[in-house]
C-alpha atoms as a PDB file:
ATOM      1  CA  MET A   1     121.053  93.768 168.781  1.00  0.00           C
ATOM      2  CA  SER A   2     119.015  96.792 167.663  1.00  0.00           C
ATOM      3  CA  LEU A   3     117.760  97.167 164.113  1.00  0.00           C
ATOM      4  CA  ARG A   4     116.210 100.361 162.765  1.00  0.00           C
ATOM      5  CA  LEU A   5     114.253  99.543 159.651  1.00  0.00           C
ATOM      6  CA  LYS A   6     112.051 101.784 157.589  1.00  0.00           C
ATOM      7  CA  LEU A   7     109.351  99.512 156.187  1.00  0.00           C
ATOM      8  CA  GLN A   8     108.198 100.551 152.729  1.00  0.00           C
ATOM      9  CA  HIS A   9     105.897  97.552 152.317  1.00  0.00           C
ATOM     10  CA  PRO A  10     104.373  94.983 154.706  1.00  0.00           C
ATOM     11  CA  LEU A  11     106.473  92.246 153.137  1.00  0.00           C
ATOM     12  CA  ALA A  12     109.591  94.033 154.401  1.00  0.00           C
ATOM     13  CA  ALA A  13     108.752  92.542 157.815  1.00  0.00           C
ATOM     14  CA  LEU A  14     110.024  89.267 156.395  1.00  0.00           C
ATOM     15  CA  GLY A  15     113.508  90.796 156.289  1.00  0.00           C
ATOM     16  CA  LEU A  16     113.267  91.566 160.009  1.00  0.00           C
ATOM     17  CA  VAL A  17     112.237  87.993 160.773  1.00  0.00           C
ATOM     18  CA  SER A  18     115.180  86.662 158.726  1.00  0.00           C
ATOM     19  CA  ALA A  19     117.607  88.935 160.581  1.00  0.00           C
ATOM     20  CA  SER A  20     116.297  87.775 163.953  1.00  0.00           C
ATOM     21  CA  LEU A  21     116.696  84.126 163.007  1.00  0.00           C
ATOM     22  CA  LEU A  22     120.275  84.703 161.948  1.00  0.00           C
ATOM     23  CA  ALA A  23     121.040  86.510 165.209  1.00  0.00           C
ATOM     24  CA  CYS A  24     119.587  83.652 167.247  1.00  0.00           C
ATOM     25  CA  ALA A  25     121.741  81.225 165.318  1.00  0.00           C
ATOM     26  CA  GLY A  26     124.806  83.145 166.455  1.00  0.00           C
ATOM     27  CA  ALA A  27     125.743  84.558 163.074  1.00  0.00           C
ATOM     28  CA  SER A  28     128.741  86.821 163.467  1.00  0.00           C
ATOM     29  CA  ALA A  29     128.762  88.287 159.951  1.00  0.00           C
ATOM     30  CA  GLN A  30     126.966  91.572 159.298  1.00  0.00           C
ATOM     31  CA  THR A  31     123.345  90.894 158.375  1.00  0.00           C
ATOM     32  CA  VAL A  32     122.014  92.624 155.269  1.00  0.00           C
ATOM     33  CA  VAL A  33     118.254  93.197 155.390  1.00  0.00           C
ATOM     34  CA  SER A  34     116.510  93.419 152.018  1.00  0.00           C
ATOM     35  CA  VAL A  35     113.564  95.803 151.852  1.00  0.00           C
ATOM     36  CA  VAL A  36     110.839  94.990 149.319  1.00  0.00           C
ATOM     37  CA  PRO A  37     110.155  98.088 147.146  1.00  0.00           C
ATOM     38  CA  MET A  38     106.808  99.814 147.494  1.00  0.00           C
ATOM     39  CA  SER A  39     104.172  98.553 145.067  1.00  0.00           C
ATOM     40  CA  SER A  40     102.782 100.952 142.478  1.00  0.00           C
ATOM     41  CA  LEU A  41      99.427 100.222 144.088  1.00  0.00           C
ATOM     42  CA  ASP A  42     100.569 102.086 147.213  1.00  0.00           C
ATOM     43  CA  ALA A  43     102.713 104.703 145.437  1.00  0.00           C
ATOM     44  CA  VAL A  44      99.887 105.728 143.087  1.00  0.00           C
ATOM     45  CA  GLN A  45      97.428 106.166 145.949  1.00  0.00           C
ATOM     46  CA  GLN A  46      99.948 108.212 147.923  1.00  0.00           C
ATOM     47  CA  ALA A  47     100.701 110.443 144.919  1.00  0.00           C
ATOM     48  CA  GLY A  48      97.035 110.773 143.940  1.00  0.00           C
ATOM     49  CA  VAL A  49      97.954 110.269 140.268  1.00  0.00           C
ATOM     50  CA  LEU A  50      98.176 107.260 137.948  1.00  0.00           C
ATOM     51  CA  ARG A  51     100.770 107.931 135.225  1.00  0.00           C
ATOM     52  CA  ILE A  52      99.627 106.248 132.008  1.00  0.00           C
ATOM     53  CA  CYS A  53     101.861 105.913 128.947  1.00  0.00           C
ATOM     54  CA  THR A  54     100.070 105.653 125.600  1.00  0.00           C
ATOM     55  CA  PRO A  55     101.066 106.153 121.945  1.00  0.00           C
ATOM     56  CA  GLY A  56      97.685 107.813 121.359  1.00  0.00           C
ATOM     57  CA  ASP A  57      97.518 106.915 117.669  1.00  0.00           C
ATOM     58  CA  TYR A  58      95.407 103.795 117.737  1.00  0.00           C
ATOM     59  CA  LYS A  59      91.656 104.085 117.309  1.00  0.00           C
ATOM     60  CA  PRO A  60      89.486 102.863 118.964  1.00  0.00           C
ATOM     61  CA  PHE A  61      91.770 102.237 121.984  1.00  0.00           C
ATOM     62  CA  SER A  62      93.584 105.534 122.565  1.00  0.00           C
ATOM     63  CA  PHE A  63      93.720 108.561 120.305  1.00  0.00           C
ATOM     64  CA  GLN A  64      95.127 112.005 121.038  1.00  0.00           C
ATOM     65  CA  LYS A  65      92.834 114.775 119.852  1.00  0.00           C
ATOM     66  CA  PRO A  66      94.064 118.140 118.506  1.00  0.00           C
ATOM     67  CA  ASP A  67      93.510 119.754 121.919  1.00  0.00           C
ATOM     68  CA  GLY A  68      95.946 117.278 123.481  1.00  0.00           C
ATOM     69  CA  THR A  69      93.385 115.186 125.353  1.00  0.00           C
ATOM     70  CA  PHE A  70      92.861 111.479 124.742  1.00  0.00           C
ATOM     71  CA  GLU A  71      89.814 109.402 123.912  1.00  0.00           C
ATOM     72  CA  GLY A  72      89.015 105.748 123.246  1.00  0.00           C
ATOM     73  CA  ILE A  73      88.150 102.438 124.881  1.00  0.00           C
ATOM     74  CA  ASP A  74      91.240 102.362 127.071  1.00  0.00           C
ATOM     75  CA  VAL A  75      90.844 106.017 128.054  1.00  0.00           C
ATOM     76  CA  ASP A  76      87.283 105.416 129.229  1.00  0.00           C
ATOM     77  CA  LEU A  77      88.359 102.301 131.122  1.00  0.00           C
ATOM     78  CA  MET A  78      91.238 104.152 132.765  1.00  0.00           C
ATOM     79  CA  GLY A  79      88.662 106.608 134.062  1.00  0.00           C
ATOM     80  CA  SER A  80      86.998 103.677 135.807  1.00  0.00           C
ATOM     81  CA  LEU A  81      90.284 102.300 137.154  1.00  0.00           C
ATOM     82  CA  THR A  82      91.472 105.637 138.533  1.00  0.00           C
ATOM     83  CA  ALA A  83      88.072 106.256 140.133  1.00  0.00           C
ATOM     84  CA  SER A  84      88.368 102.919 141.924  1.00  0.00           C
ATOM     85  CA  LEU A  85      91.789 103.971 143.236  1.00  0.00           C
ATOM     86  CA  GLY A  86      90.636 107.449 144.177  1.00  0.00           C
ATOM     87  CA  VAL A  87      93.273 109.112 141.987  1.00  0.00           C
ATOM     88  CA  LYS A  88      93.494 111.150 138.778  1.00  0.00           C
ATOM     89  CA  PRO A  89      94.853 109.884 135.417  1.00  0.00           C
ATOM     90  CA  GLU A  90      97.909 111.574 133.903  1.00  0.00           C
ATOM     91  CA  TYR A  91      98.597 110.599 130.287  1.00  0.00           C
ATOM     92  CA  ILE A  92     102.168 110.514 129.031  1.00  0.00           C
ATOM     93  CA  LYS A  93     102.552 110.511 125.240  1.00  0.00           C
ATOM     94  CA  THR A  94     104.930 107.871 123.927  1.00  0.00           C
ATOM     95  CA  SER A  95     105.434 105.921 120.698  1.00  0.00           C
ATOM     96  CA  TRP A  96     105.366 102.221 119.888  1.00  0.00           C
ATOM     97  CA  SER A  97     109.147 102.222 119.571  1.00  0.00           C
ATOM     98  CA  ASN A  98     109.576 103.915 122.966  1.00  0.00           C
ATOM     99  CA  LEU A  99     106.726 102.196 124.789  1.00  0.00           C
ATOM    100  CA  MET A 100     108.830  99.545 126.512  1.00  0.00           C
ATOM    101  CA  PRO A 101     111.851 101.806 127.233  1.00  0.00           C
ATOM    102  CA  ASP A 102     109.530 104.372 128.832  1.00  0.00           C
ATOM    103  CA  MET A 103     107.834 101.663 130.859  1.00  0.00           C
ATOM    104  CA  THR A 104     111.023 100.056 132.140  1.00  0.00           C
ATOM    105  CA  ALA A 105     112.530 103.474 132.899  1.00  0.00           C
ATOM    106  CA  GLY A 106     109.692 104.164 135.324  1.00  0.00           C
ATOM    107  CA  LYS A 107     108.202 107.075 133.395  1.00  0.00           C
ATOM    108  CA  CYS A 108     104.729 105.616 133.875  1.00  0.00           C
ATOM    109  CA  ASP A 109     102.864 103.291 136.208  1.00  0.00           C
ATOM    110  CA  MET A 110     101.195 101.395 133.357  1.00  0.00           C
ATOM    111  CA  ALA A 111     100.730 101.593 129.602  1.00  0.00           C
ATOM    112  CA  VAL A 112      97.557 101.342 127.503  1.00  0.00           C
ATOM    113  CA  GLY A 113      96.370 102.003 123.986  1.00  0.00           C
ATOM    114  CA  GLY A 114      95.751  98.721 122.173  1.00  0.00           C
ATOM    115  CA  ILE A 115      98.816  96.811 123.352  1.00  0.00           C
ATOM    116  CA  SER A 116      99.146  93.276 122.002  1.00  0.00           C
ATOM    117  CA  VAL A 117     100.277  90.547 124.364  1.00  0.00           C
ATOM    118  CA  THR A 118     103.630  89.153 123.200  1.00  0.00           C
ATOM    119  CA  THR A 119     106.274  87.005 124.821  1.00  0.00           C
ATOM    120  CA  GLU A 120     108.940  89.602 123.956  1.00  0.00           C
ATOM    121  CA  ARG A 121     107.105  92.248 125.962  1.00  0.00           C
ATOM    122  CA  GLN A 122     106.450  89.726 128.724  1.00  0.00           C
ATOM    123  CA  LYS A 123     110.204  89.374 129.207  1.00  0.00           C
ATOM    124  CA  LYS A 124     110.429  92.984 130.384  1.00  0.00           C
ATOM    125  CA  ALA A 125     107.052  93.724 131.938  1.00  0.00           C
ATOM    126  CA  PHE A 126     103.877  92.241 133.371  1.00  0.00           C
ATOM    127  CA  PHE A 127     100.594  92.106 131.479  1.00  0.00           C
ATOM    128  CA  SER A 128      97.200  92.453 133.044  1.00  0.00           C
ATOM    129  CA  ALA A 129      94.635  89.788 132.310  1.00  0.00           C
ATOM    130  CA  PRO A 130      93.634  90.179 128.630  1.00  0.00           C
ATOM    131  CA  TYR A 131      90.511  92.215 128.019  1.00  0.00           C
ATOM    132  CA  MET A 132      90.005  91.567 124.288  1.00  0.00           C
ATOM    133  CA  VAL A 133      90.752  88.903 121.684  1.00  0.00           C
ATOM    134  CA  ASN A 134      91.906  90.913 118.688  1.00  0.00           C
ATOM    135  CA  GLY A 135      93.765  89.100 115.905  1.00  0.00           C
ATOM    136  CA  LYS A 136      95.695  90.411 112.924  1.00  0.00           C
ATOM    137  CA  THR A 137      93.443  91.507 110.058  1.00  0.00           C
ATOM    138  CA  PRO A 138      94.317  92.985 106.646  1.00  0.00           C
ATOM    139  CA  VAL A 139      92.992  96.376 105.579  1.00  0.00           C
ATOM    140  CA  ALA A 140      92.834  97.167 101.853  1.00  0.00           C
ATOM    141  CA  ARG A 141      90.824  99.100  99.313  1.00  0.00           C
ATOM    142  CA  CYS A 142      87.384  97.523  99.102  1.00  0.00           C
ATOM    143  CA  ALA A 143      87.882  96.776  95.398  1.00  0.00           C
ATOM    144  CA  ASP A 144      90.867  94.557  96.300  1.00  0.00           C
ATOM    145  CA  VAL A 145      89.353  92.477  99.115  1.00  0.00           C
ATOM    146  CA  ALA A 146      89.247  89.285  97.053  1.00  0.00           C
ATOM    147  CA  LYS A 147      92.982  89.613  96.248  1.00  0.00           C
ATOM    148  CA  TYR A 148      94.204  89.621  99.865  1.00  0.00           C
ATOM    149  CA  GLN A 149      92.400  86.837 101.699  1.00  0.00           C
ATOM    150  CA  THR A 150      95.422  85.037 103.130  1.00  0.00           C
ATOM    151  CA  VAL A 151      99.069  85.626 104.023  1.00  0.00           C
ATOM    152  CA  ALA A 152     100.057  83.818 100.813  1.00  0.00           C
ATOM    153  CA  ASP A 153      97.744  86.071  98.775  1.00  0.00           C
ATOM    154  CA  ILE A 154      99.384  89.157 100.262  1.00  0.00           C
ATOM    155  CA  ASP A 155     102.975  87.921 100.060  1.00  0.00           C
ATOM    156  CA  LYS A 156     103.516  88.463  96.354  1.00  0.00           C
ATOM    157  CA  PRO A 157     106.080  90.686  94.590  1.00  0.00           C
ATOM    158  CA  ALA A 158     103.444  93.067  93.265  1.00  0.00           C
ATOM    159  CA  THR A 159     101.838  93.739  96.672  1.00  0.00           C
ATOM    160  CA  ARG A 160     102.843  96.900  98.521  1.00  0.00           C
ATOM    161  CA  VAL A 161     102.636  96.155 102.254  1.00  0.00           C
ATOM    162  CA  ILE A 162     102.726  99.143 104.607  1.00  0.00           C
ATOM    163  CA  PHE A 163     103.272  99.023 108.380  1.00  0.00           C
ATOM    164  CA  ASN A 164     104.060 101.261 111.349  1.00  0.00           C
ATOM    165  CA  PRO A 165     107.279 100.931 113.382  1.00  0.00           C
ATOM    166  CA  GLY A 166     107.994  99.463 116.776  1.00  0.00           C
ATOM    167  CA  GLY A 167     105.007  97.271 117.546  1.00  0.00           C
ATOM    168  CA  SER A 168     103.415  93.938 116.774  1.00  0.00           C
ATOM    169  CA  ASN A 169     102.263  95.138 113.321  1.00  0.00           C
ATOM    170  CA  GLU A 170     105.861  95.555 112.201  1.00  0.00           C
ATOM    171  CA  ARG A 171     106.860  92.206 113.699  1.00  0.00           C
ATOM    172  CA  PHE A 172     103.980  90.450 111.935  1.00  0.00           C
ATOM    173  CA  ALA A 173     104.779  92.050 108.584  1.00  0.00           C
ATOM    174  CA  ARG A 174     108.492  91.238 108.705  1.00  0.00           C
ATOM    175  CA  ALA A 175     107.891  87.683 109.892  1.00  0.00           C
ATOM    176  CA  ASN A 176     105.263  86.786 107.297  1.00  0.00           C
ATOM    177  CA  PHE A 177     105.950  88.765 104.125  1.00  0.00           C
ATOM    178  CA  LYS A 178     109.157  87.813 102.319  1.00  0.00           C
ATOM    179  CA  GLN A 179     108.282  88.588  98.684  1.00  0.00           C
ATOM    180  CA  ALA A 180     105.969  91.593  98.976  1.00  0.00           C
ATOM    181  CA  GLN A 181     107.234  95.164  98.691  1.00  0.00           C
ATOM    182  CA  MET A 182     107.695  96.384 102.282  1.00  0.00           C
ATOM    183  CA  ARG A 183     107.241  99.996 103.352  1.00  0.00           C
ATOM    184  CA  LEU A 184     107.768 101.332 106.869  1.00  0.00           C
ATOM    185  CA  ASN A 185     105.506 104.336 107.501  1.00  0.00           C
ATOM    186  CA  PRO A 186     106.683 106.631 110.323  1.00  0.00           C
ATOM    187  CA  GLU A 187     103.261 106.941 111.939  1.00  0.00           C
ATOM    188  CA  ASN A 188     100.139 104.861 112.239  1.00  0.00           C
ATOM    189  CA  LEU A 189      97.572 107.553 111.481  1.00  0.00           C
ATOM    190  CA  THR A 190      98.528 108.255 107.848  1.00  0.00           C
ATOM    191  CA  ILE A 191      98.715 104.611 106.746  1.00  0.00           C
ATOM    192  CA  PHE A 192      95.040 104.408 105.846  1.00  0.00           C
ATOM    193  CA  ASP A 193      95.178 107.483 103.618  1.00  0.00           C
ATOM    194  CA  GLU A 194      98.220 106.013 101.859  1.00  0.00           C
ATOM    195  CA  ILE A 195      96.165 102.942 100.943  1.00  0.00           C
ATOM    196  CA  LEU A 196      93.220 105.054  99.751  1.00  0.00           C
ATOM    197  CA  ALA A 197      95.606 107.133  97.637  1.00  0.00           C
ATOM    198  CA  ASN A 198      96.924 103.914  96.018  1.00  0.00           C
ATOM    199  CA  ARG A 199     100.438 104.443  97.332  1.00  0.00           C
ATOM    200  CA  ALA A 200     100.171 101.175  99.310  1.00  0.00           C
ATOM    201  CA  ASP A 201      97.951  98.115  99.074  1.00  0.00           C
ATOM    202  CA  VAL A 202      97.668  96.313 102.413  1.00  0.00           C
ATOM    203  CA  PHE A 203      98.104  97.076 106.103  1.00  0.00           C
ATOM    204  CA  VAL A 204      97.782  94.252 108.649  1.00  0.00           C
ATOM    205  CA  THR A 205      96.626  95.387 112.070  1.00  0.00           C
ATOM    206  CA  GLU A 206      94.253  94.237 114.834  1.00  0.00           C
ATOM    207  CA  SER A 207      90.664  93.536 113.862  1.00  0.00           C
ATOM    208  CA  ALA A 208      89.261  96.291 116.128  1.00  0.00           C
ATOM    209  CA  GLU A 209      91.328  98.961 114.374  1.00  0.00           C
ATOM    210  CA  ALA A 210      90.504  97.504 110.961  1.00  0.00           C
ATOM    211  CA  ILE A 211      86.769  97.644 111.733  1.00  0.00           C
ATOM    212  CA  THR A 212      87.047 101.176 113.103  1.00  0.00           C
ATOM    213  CA  GLN A 213      88.985 102.514 110.128  1.00  0.00           C
ATOM    214  CA  GLN A 214      86.616 101.056 107.544  1.00  0.00           C
ATOM    215  CA  LYS A 215      83.869 103.097 109.222  1.00  0.00           C
ATOM    216  CA  LEU A 216      85.993 106.251 109.246  1.00  0.00           C
ATOM    217  CA  LYS A 217      87.499 105.872 105.770  1.00  0.00           C
ATOM    218  CA  PRO A 218      84.971 105.029 103.017  1.00  0.00           C
ATOM    219  CA  GLY A 219      86.673 102.893 100.410  1.00  0.00           C
ATOM    220  CA  LEU A 220      88.677 100.872 102.939  1.00  0.00           C
ATOM    221  CA  CYS A 221      87.586  97.396 104.025  1.00  0.00           C
ATOM    222  CA  ALA A 222      88.605  95.127 106.877  1.00  0.00           C
ATOM    223  CA  ILE A 223      89.186  91.669 105.384  1.00  0.00           C
ATOM    224  CA  ASN A 224      87.570  88.847 107.378  1.00  0.00           C
ATOM    225  CA  PRO A 225      87.954  90.513 110.802  1.00  0.00           C
ATOM    226  CA  ASP A 226      86.029  87.608 112.354  1.00  0.00           C
ATOM    227  CA  LYS A 227      88.677  85.194 111.023  1.00  0.00           C
ATOM    228  CA  PRO A 228      92.017  86.914 111.684  1.00  0.00           C
ATOM    229  CA  LEU A 229      95.309  85.837 110.162  1.00  0.00           C
ATOM    230  CA  GLN A 230      96.826  85.429 113.628  1.00  0.00           C
ATOM    231  CA  TYR A 231      95.325  85.066 117.089  1.00  0.00           C
ATOM    232  CA  GLY A 232      95.965  87.999 119.386  1.00  0.00           C
ATOM    233  CA  GLU A 233      95.012  89.438 122.767  1.00  0.00           C
ATOM    234  CA  MET A 234      94.998  92.961 124.177  1.00  0.00           C
ATOM    235  CA  ALA A 235      96.065  93.740 127.741  1.00  0.00           C
ATOM    236  CA  TYR A 236      97.572  96.507 129.849  1.00  0.00           C
ATOM    237  CA  LEU A 237     101.320  96.756 130.401  1.00  0.00           C
ATOM    238  CA  LEU A 238     102.381  96.828 134.063  1.00  0.00           C
ATOM    239  CA  PRO A 239     105.697  97.001 135.950  1.00  0.00           C
ATOM    240  CA  ARG A 240     107.554  93.716 135.992  1.00  0.00           C
ATOM    241  CA  GLY A 241     107.437  91.967 139.358  1.00  0.00           C
ATOM    242  CA  ASP A 242     104.732  94.199 140.871  1.00  0.00           C
ATOM    243  CA  VAL A 243     102.349  91.438 141.961  1.00  0.00           C
ATOM    244  CA  PRO A 244     100.078  93.567 144.207  1.00  0.00           C
ATOM    245  CA  PHE A 245      99.445  96.120 141.444  1.00  0.00           C
ATOM    246  CA  LYS A 246      98.759  93.444 138.829  1.00  0.00           C
ATOM    247  CA  ALA A 247      96.374  91.693 141.232  1.00  0.00           C
ATOM    248  CA  TYR A 248      94.472  94.948 141.749  1.00  0.00           C
ATOM    249  CA  VAL A 249      94.209  95.752 138.027  1.00  0.00           C
ATOM    250  CA  ASP A 250      93.086  92.196 137.246  1.00  0.00           C
ATOM    251  CA  GLN A 251      90.441  92.311 139.980  1.00  0.00           C
ATOM    252  CA  TRP A 252      89.157  95.691 138.786  1.00  0.00           C
ATOM    253  CA  LEU A 253      88.958  94.370 135.219  1.00  0.00           C
ATOM    254  CA  HIS A 254      87.140  91.218 136.359  1.00  0.00           C
ATOM    255  CA  LEU A 255      84.535  93.271 138.214  1.00  0.00           C
ATOM    256  CA  ALA A 256      84.144  95.668 135.256  1.00  0.00           C
ATOM    257  CA  ARG A 257      83.374  92.706 133.028  1.00  0.00           C
ATOM    258  CA  ALA A 258      81.122  90.938 135.517  1.00  0.00           C
ATOM    259  CA  GLY A 259      79.134  94.109 136.140  1.00  0.00           C
ATOM    260  CA  GLY A 260      78.786  95.021 132.454  1.00  0.00           C
ATOM    261  CA  ASP A 261      80.784  98.273 132.622  1.00  0.00           C
ATOM    262  CA  TYR A 262      83.442  96.974 130.243  1.00  0.00           C
ATOM    263  CA  GLN A 263      80.870  95.810 127.680  1.00  0.00           C
ATOM    264  CA  ARG A 264      79.139  99.204 127.732  1.00  0.00           C
ATOM    265  CA  VAL A 265      82.403 101.010 127.011  1.00  0.00           C
ATOM    266  CA  GLU A 266      83.406  98.624 124.239  1.00  0.00           C
ATOM    267  CA  SER A 267      80.022  98.826 122.518  1.00  0.00           C
ATOM    268  CA  GLN A 268      80.222 102.627 122.416  1.00  0.00           C
ATOM    269  CA  TRP A 269      83.367 102.427 120.290  1.00  0.00           C
ATOM    270  CA  LEU A 270      82.952  99.251 118.247  1.00  0.00           C
ATOM    271  CA  LYS A 271      79.239  99.037 117.447  1.00  0.00           C
END
């Protein structure tokens, strides 16, 4: 029996072995050989480009500047990752609501930009190893810090809670605040000005963003960022089932941490 098989991945050889075993056993039915899809690790190197989805509205992780380019912790780290692969980064603008649909549709090879690890996202994609512990922290006007120390303090009828759509901030707000006045703001970037203008009182986000925004927006304060309201981790979103690519990204991240490259990037943005 002659089989012509185009191997897209070394593991496809397993299909050839299975077919041979069935033939030796005298199987008369037509043998269907499954070919394992090419890993993004190979496809990216062949294309010479790593396609990276990012909302680009989340300082200090990924922020799109007026000229269309991106900057932030994750952008700097992606420069290191793409250099290790010998490819160029290509950023694809998305939103928090469209992040997972764009990822599962194959529009990008990975997604970055301050993505919280959640079990809901894990159902549809892989996560890299986490690179930062970054729990939920309230942001409010500095004069009101004492009023909003806990979830119970915030969840009162007079409190105006603001949040952005589609991500873990919205899920946290809806899950924890049942009495407060809830306001969905279309974009992340204008939330902080809304609080300063006294059109909202509290925004709960990750501690890194809270710390960054209190530096950028005098009058705003991160409330107990060292003691967050909820534990959280940041990681990179990867294609579900792509074990070789995840293994590569995890190994790159491990070496970046062990060699101090990660710490140097983080300190540039957070200290």
